[in-house]
Amino acid sequence: MDENFFYAEEDGLELPIVGSWAKQKYRIVYEYNELFSSGMKKYWDKRVYIDLYSGAGKAKIEKSNQVLYSSPLLSLKVPVPYDQYVFCDKNIKFIDALEKRVNSEFKNSNVNFVIGDCNEKVDNIISFLPTPGYNNKILTFCFVDPFALIVKFNTIKKLSERFVDFLVLLAFGMDGKRNIQYYLKDNNTRIDDFLGSNEWRKKWSKAESEGVNLVKFLADEFTEKMVSLNYKSEAINNFISIRSDEKNLPLYYLGFYSRSSRGYDFWKKVRKRNEHPDLFE
């Protein structure tokens, strides 16, 4: 795909600053959306896209003049658009800019905007989803793109009560590995909330003594929790690594979770184009 497809023009609206590695992330999200939105159309009556940390729709690469389309606008740019969109962000300036960009470039799309922390607004997000029925099968794809381990498992669990596939940014390199000494403290609940359990500390103590890598441990723990929600075990060790351009260090991982083998067929195609060796350094 022509890389110019992902570049956007400045329009005077809010522009979050992102690292240059965001280009790979946005390309992966677009490639999956393109396969999912078209490939599932004939099997479902309606397809919905949710972005829990939507940002402003465009972002600027740090230390450059390059502006990228980010996940919400890229999801609207697919050849076979979704029937409905729900974009959530707690930053009012981001949501305001995103709404203006949607109205300018995609004014005929069915888009809903939610202002607030997705963990607190999950019921509001769900309220925008079409009501499923015998003659109205609804399939949703949810992109979870937090800058740290701030999404709560209970939020994912609540959304998963519908037919929802998830693509989750697992900020283990950026957040989990960097801050593990704080999270190990009993009064810190960040990873507890992320995994929906406080049992991980005992398990990590044993795993660490056996030489298990922290990133691998957290990825496996989160994936086990997703499998407990009846997501397919194909999610295990099925991640894409996103690395920094400067030192080629792993920053975070994209984990895909579906209850459908067809979803994994799509994901495998995207992963094959983007996979990186030494995932769990």
Protein backbone atom coordinates (compact mmCIF):
# COMPACT_ATOMS: atom_id res chain seq x y z
CA MET A 1 0.00 0.00 0.00
CA ASP A 2 1.19 3.51 -0.82
CA GLU A 3 2.51 5.07 2.40
CA ASN A 4 1.08 8.43 1.31
CA PHE A 5 -2.36 6.98 2.08
CA PHE A 6 -1.66 7.42 5.79
CA TYR A 7 -0.44 11.02 5.61
CA ALA A 8 -2.83 13.89 6.23
CA GLU A 9 -2.84 17.65 5.90
CA GLU A 10 -2.75 20.00 8.86
CA ASP A 11 -6.13 21.64 9.34
CA GLY A 12 -5.59 23.90 12.33
CA LEU A 13 -7.29 21.50 14.75
CA GLU A 14 -5.80 19.66 17.74
CA LEU A 15 -2.90 17.34 16.88
CA PRO A 16 -1.62 14.86 19.48
CA ILE A 17 2.14 14.15 19.22
CA VAL A 18 3.14 10.52 18.56
CA GLY A 19 6.37 8.63 18.00
CA SER A 20 7.42 7.67 14.50
CA TRP A 21 6.61 4.02 15.28
CA ALA A 22 2.91 4.97 15.30
CA LYS A 23 3.03 4.70 11.51
CA GLN A 24 3.35 0.92 11.80
CA LYS A 25 0.57 0.71 14.38
CA TYR A 26 -1.85 2.73 12.25
CA ARG A 27 -1.00 0.68 9.17
CA ILE A 28 -1.72 -2.56 11.05
CA VAL A 29 -5.04 -1.22 12.35
CA TYR A 30 -6.05 -0.08 8.88
CA GLU A 31 -5.06 -3.39 7.24
CA TYR A 32 -7.14 -5.34 9.74
CA ASN A 33 -10.10 -2.97 9.45
CA GLU A 34 -9.99 -3.30 5.68
CA LEU A 35 -10.14 -7.11 5.86
CA PHE A 36 -12.66 -7.24 8.71
CA SER A 37 -15.14 -4.64 7.45
CA SER A 38 -15.38 -6.17 3.97
CA GLY A 39 -14.89 -9.84 4.88
CA MET A 40 -17.64 -9.86 7.53
CA LYS A 41 -20.23 -7.84 5.61
CA LYS A 42 -22.09 -10.78 4.07
CA TYR A 43 -22.20 -12.72 7.36
CA TRP A 44 -23.61 -10.00 9.62
CA ASP A 45 -26.48 -7.55 9.29
CA LYS A 46 -24.49 -4.70 10.83
CA ARG A 47 -20.83 -4.13 11.56
CA VAL A 48 -19.77 -1.64 14.26
CA TYR A 49 -16.37 -0.12 15.00
CA ILE A 50 -15.47 1.09 18.52
CA ASP A 51 -12.34 3.10 19.37
CA LEU A 52 -11.95 3.38 23.17
CA TYR A 53 -9.01 5.82 23.08
CA SER A 54 -9.76 7.52 19.80
CA GLY A 55 -7.62 10.63 20.01
CA ALA A 56 -8.27 13.41 17.51
CA GLY A 57 -8.34 11.46 14.23
CA LYS A 58 -4.99 12.87 13.15
CA ALA A 59 -1.63 12.96 14.92
CA LYS A 60 1.72 14.61 14.36
CA ILE A 61 4.98 12.66 14.45
CA GLU A 62 7.31 14.16 17.03
CA LYS A 63 10.28 16.18 15.77
CA SER A 64 8.80 16.36 12.27
CA ASN A 65 6.15 18.09 10.20
CA GLN A 66 4.49 14.81 9.24
CA VAL A 67 0.80 14.42 10.07
CA LEU A 68 -0.86 11.00 10.05
CA TYR A 69 -4.43 9.83 9.93
CA SER A 70 -4.95 7.94 13.19
CA SER A 71 -7.22 4.98 13.93
CA PRO A 72 -10.72 6.59 13.91
CA LEU A 73 -10.39 8.34 10.55
CA LEU A 74 -8.56 5.34 9.09
CA SER A 75 -11.51 3.14 10.10
CA LEU A 76 -13.74 5.52 8.12
CA LYS A 77 -11.42 5.39 5.09
CA VAL A 78 -11.84 1.64 4.44
CA PRO A 79 -13.36 0.75 1.05
CA VAL A 80 -16.34 -0.97 2.71
CA PRO A 81 -17.14 1.26 5.71
CA TYR A 82 -18.74 0.00 8.90
CA ASP A 83 -22.44 0.58 9.45
CA GLN A 84 -21.79 2.48 12.67
CA TYR A 85 -18.92 3.98 14.66
CA VAL A 86 -18.43 4.83 18.35
CA PHE A 87 -15.43 6.99 19.29
CA CYS A 88 -14.52 7.59 22.94
CA ASP A 89 -11.84 9.77 24.53
CA LYS A 90 -11.62 11.64 27.81
CA ASN A 91 -9.76 14.56 26.21
CA ILE A 92 -12.46 17.06 25.21
CA LYS A 93 -10.15 18.84 22.77
CA PHE A 94 -9.44 15.57 20.98
CA ILE A 95 -13.10 14.63 20.69
CA ASP A 96 -13.98 18.13 19.49
CA ALA A 97 -11.30 18.00 16.78
CA LEU A 98 -12.30 14.46 15.81
CA GLU A 99 -15.97 15.41 15.47
CA LYS A 100 -15.08 18.37 13.25
CA ARG A 101 -12.86 16.19 11.07
CA VAL A 102 -15.55 13.53 10.75
CA ASN A 103 -18.15 16.15 9.82
CA SER A 104 -15.76 17.59 7.24
CA GLU A 105 -14.53 14.39 5.58
CA PHE A 106 -17.13 11.73 6.45
CA LYS A 107 -20.32 13.67 7.13
CA ASN A 108 -22.61 10.91 5.85
CA SER A 109 -21.22 8.28 8.25
CA ASN A 110 -23.11 7.07 11.32
CA VAL A 111 -20.73 8.19 14.08
CA ASN A 112 -21.31 8.54 17.82
CA PHE A 113 -18.96 10.40 20.17
CA VAL A 114 -18.45 9.68 23.87
CA ILE A 115 -16.50 12.09 26.08
CA GLY A 116 -14.90 10.51 29.14
CA ASP A 117 -12.85 7.60 30.46
CA CYS A 118 -14.02 4.45 28.68
CA ASN A 119 -13.86 2.57 31.99
CA GLU A 120 -16.47 4.94 33.37
CA LYS A 121 -18.44 5.35 30.14
CA VAL A 122 -18.68 1.73 29.04
CA ASP A 123 -22.46 1.61 29.58
CA ASN A 124 -22.80 4.77 27.51
CA ILE A 125 -20.71 3.20 24.74
CA ILE A 126 -22.83 0.04 24.76
CA SER A 127 -26.02 2.13 24.61
CA PHE A 128 -25.03 3.29 21.13
CA LEU A 129 -24.73 -0.26 19.79
CA PRO A 130 -27.64 -1.55 17.69
CA THR A 131 -29.91 -4.01 19.48
CA PRO A 132 -29.15 -7.52 18.24
CA GLY A 133 -31.96 -9.85 17.25
CA TYR A 134 -32.83 -12.89 15.19
CA ASN A 135 -32.90 -10.82 12.02
CA ASN A 136 -30.32 -8.29 13.14
CA LYS A 137 -26.95 -9.90 13.77
CA ILE A 138 -24.42 -7.37 15.04
CA LEU A 139 -20.63 -7.80 14.96
CA THR A 140 -18.34 -5.23 16.55
CA PHE A 141 -14.61 -4.63 16.23
CA CYS A 142 -13.10 -2.72 19.15
CA PHE A 143 -9.67 -1.10 19.06
CA VAL A 144 -8.17 -0.49 22.52
CA ASP A 145 -5.23 1.90 22.23
CA PRO A 146 -4.27 3.33 25.66
CA PHE A 147 -0.88 4.98 26.28
CA ALA A 148 -0.39 2.81 29.38
CA LEU A 149 -1.99 -0.15 31.20
CA ILE A 150 -5.08 1.91 32.03
CA VAL A 151 -7.94 -0.01 30.46
CA LYS A 152 -9.71 -2.18 33.04
CA PHE A 153 -10.48 -5.80 32.33
CA ASN A 154 -14.03 -5.30 33.58
CA THR A 155 -14.52 -2.81 30.71
CA ILE A 156 -13.37 -5.42 28.19
CA LYS A 157 -15.51 -8.07 29.88
CA LYS A 158 -18.63 -5.91 29.73
CA LEU A 159 -18.16 -5.17 26.03
CA SER A 160 -17.46 -8.86 25.37
CA GLU A 161 -21.02 -9.73 26.38
CA ARG A 162 -21.83 -8.73 22.79
CA PHE A 163 -20.21 -10.23 19.69
CA VAL A 164 -17.02 -8.17 19.85
CA ASP A 165 -13.54 -8.78 18.46
CA PHE A 166 -10.73 -6.85 20.14
CA LEU A 167 -7.40 -5.47 19.03
CA VAL A 168 -5.62 -4.39 22.21
CA LEU A 169 -2.44 -2.37 22.60
CA LEU A 170 -0.57 -4.10 25.42
CA ALA A 171 1.72 -1.39 26.78
CA PHE A 172 4.03 -3.83 28.53
CA GLY A 173 7.29 -2.42 27.23
CA MET A 174 6.28 1.22 27.73
CA ASP A 175 4.48 0.87 31.04
CA GLY A 176 4.47 -2.56 32.65
CA LYS A 177 8.19 -3.30 32.40
CA ARG A 178 9.18 0.28 33.19
CA ASN A 179 7.03 0.59 36.30
CA ILE A 180 6.90 -2.96 37.65
CA GLN A 181 8.56 -1.97 40.97
CA TYR A 182 5.61 0.33 41.69
CA TYR A 183 2.95 -2.11 40.54
CA LEU A 184 4.26 -4.88 42.77
CA LYS A 185 3.25 -2.86 45.81
CA ASP A 186 0.03 -4.10 47.41
CA ASN A 187 -1.59 -0.65 47.34
CA ASN A 188 -1.08 -0.24 43.58
CA THR A 189 -3.98 -1.67 41.58
CA ARG A 190 -3.05 -0.77 37.99
CA ILE A 191 -2.17 -4.30 36.86
CA ASP A 192 -4.87 -5.74 39.15
CA ASP A 193 -7.43 -3.66 37.25
CA PHE A 194 -5.86 -4.44 33.89
CA LEU A 195 -5.97 -8.19 34.50
CA GLY A 196 -9.13 -8.19 36.61
CA SER A 197 -7.35 -10.05 39.39
CA ASN A 198 -4.73 -9.58 42.11
CA GLU A 199 -3.47 -13.15 41.85
CA TRP A 200 -0.77 -12.18 39.34
CA ARG A 201 1.71 -11.08 42.03
CA LYS A 202 2.11 -14.61 43.43
CA LYS A 203 2.30 -16.05 39.94
CA TRP A 204 4.86 -13.45 38.90
CA SER A 205 7.07 -14.19 41.90
CA LYS A 206 7.24 -17.83 40.84
CA ALA A 207 7.62 -17.01 37.15
CA GLU A 208 10.43 -14.54 37.85
CA SER A 209 12.34 -17.13 39.85
CA GLU A 210 12.09 -19.42 36.82
CA GLY A 211 13.53 -16.77 34.52
CA VAL A 212 10.28 -15.91 32.73
CA ASN A 213 10.32 -12.58 30.91
CA LEU A 214 7.95 -10.00 32.45
CA VAL A 215 6.50 -8.96 29.09
CA LYS A 216 5.79 -12.58 28.20
CA PHE A 217 4.24 -13.17 31.62
CA LEU A 218 1.84 -10.22 31.37
CA ALA A 219 0.90 -11.02 27.79
CA ASP A 220 0.09 -14.60 28.75
CA GLU A 221 -1.89 -13.52 31.82
CA PHE A 222 -4.03 -11.09 29.83
CA THR A 223 -4.56 -13.61 27.05
CA GLU A 224 -5.60 -16.31 29.54
CA LYS A 225 -8.21 -13.92 30.87
CA MET A 226 -9.51 -13.31 27.34
CA VAL A 227 -9.65 -17.05 26.69
CA SER A 228 -11.71 -17.37 29.90
CA LEU A 229 -14.28 -15.14 28.15
CA ASN A 230 -14.51 -17.75 25.38
CA TYR A 231 -12.09 -16.05 23.01
CA LYS A 232 -10.14 -18.57 20.98
CA SER A 233 -6.84 -19.87 22.31
CA GLU A 234 -5.31 -18.94 18.95
CA ALA A 235 -4.69 -15.58 20.65
CA ILE A 236 -1.81 -17.15 22.61
CA ASN A 237 1.58 -16.03 21.25
CA ASN A 238 -0.18 -14.37 18.33
CA PHE A 239 1.05 -10.82 18.93
CA ILE A 240 2.65 -8.17 16.74
CA SER A 241 5.58 -6.29 18.24
CA ILE A 242 5.90 -2.55 17.75
CA ARG A 243 9.45 -1.28 18.28
CA SER A 244 11.16 2.07 18.60
CA ASP A 245 12.98 3.37 15.54
CA GLU A 246 15.95 4.62 17.52
CA LYS A 247 17.07 1.54 19.47
CA ASN A 248 14.74 -1.13 18.05
CA LEU A 249 13.42 -1.80 21.56
CA PRO A 250 9.95 -3.32 22.05
CA LEU A 251 7.53 -0.59 23.10
CA TYR A 252 4.26 -2.47 23.05
CA TYR A 253 2.41 -5.37 21.48
CA LEU A 254 -0.84 -5.64 19.62
CA GLY A 255 -2.94 -8.59 20.75
CA PHE A 256 -5.93 -9.80 18.77
CA TYR A 257 -8.90 -11.61 20.35
CA SER A 258 -11.80 -13.17 18.49
CA ARG A 259 -14.33 -15.95 18.93
CA SER A 260 -14.23 -16.57 15.18
CA SER A 261 -11.70 -18.55 13.16
CA ARG A 262 -12.38 -16.17 10.28
CA GLY A 263 -11.15 -13.29 12.44
CA TYR A 264 -7.87 -15.12 12.97
CA ASP A 265 -7.56 -15.79 9.26
CA PHE A 266 -7.61 -12.01 8.77
CA TRP A 267 -5.22 -11.42 11.66
CA LYS A 268 -2.71 -13.97 10.37
CA LYS A 269 -2.56 -12.15 7.06
CA VAL A 270 -1.86 -8.85 8.80
CA ARG A 271 0.64 -10.43 11.19
CA LYS A 272 2.54 -12.08 8.36
CA ARG A 273 3.07 -8.66 6.76
CA ASN A 274 4.14 -7.05 10.04
CA GLU A 275 5.59 -9.65 12.37
CA HIS A 276 8.95 -9.09 14.01
CA PRO A 277 11.32 -11.72 15.45
CA ASP A 278 12.31 -11.83 19.11
CA LEU A 279 8.91 -10.70 20.30
CA PHE A 280 9.53 -11.16 24.01
CA GLU A 281 13.00 -9.73 24.54
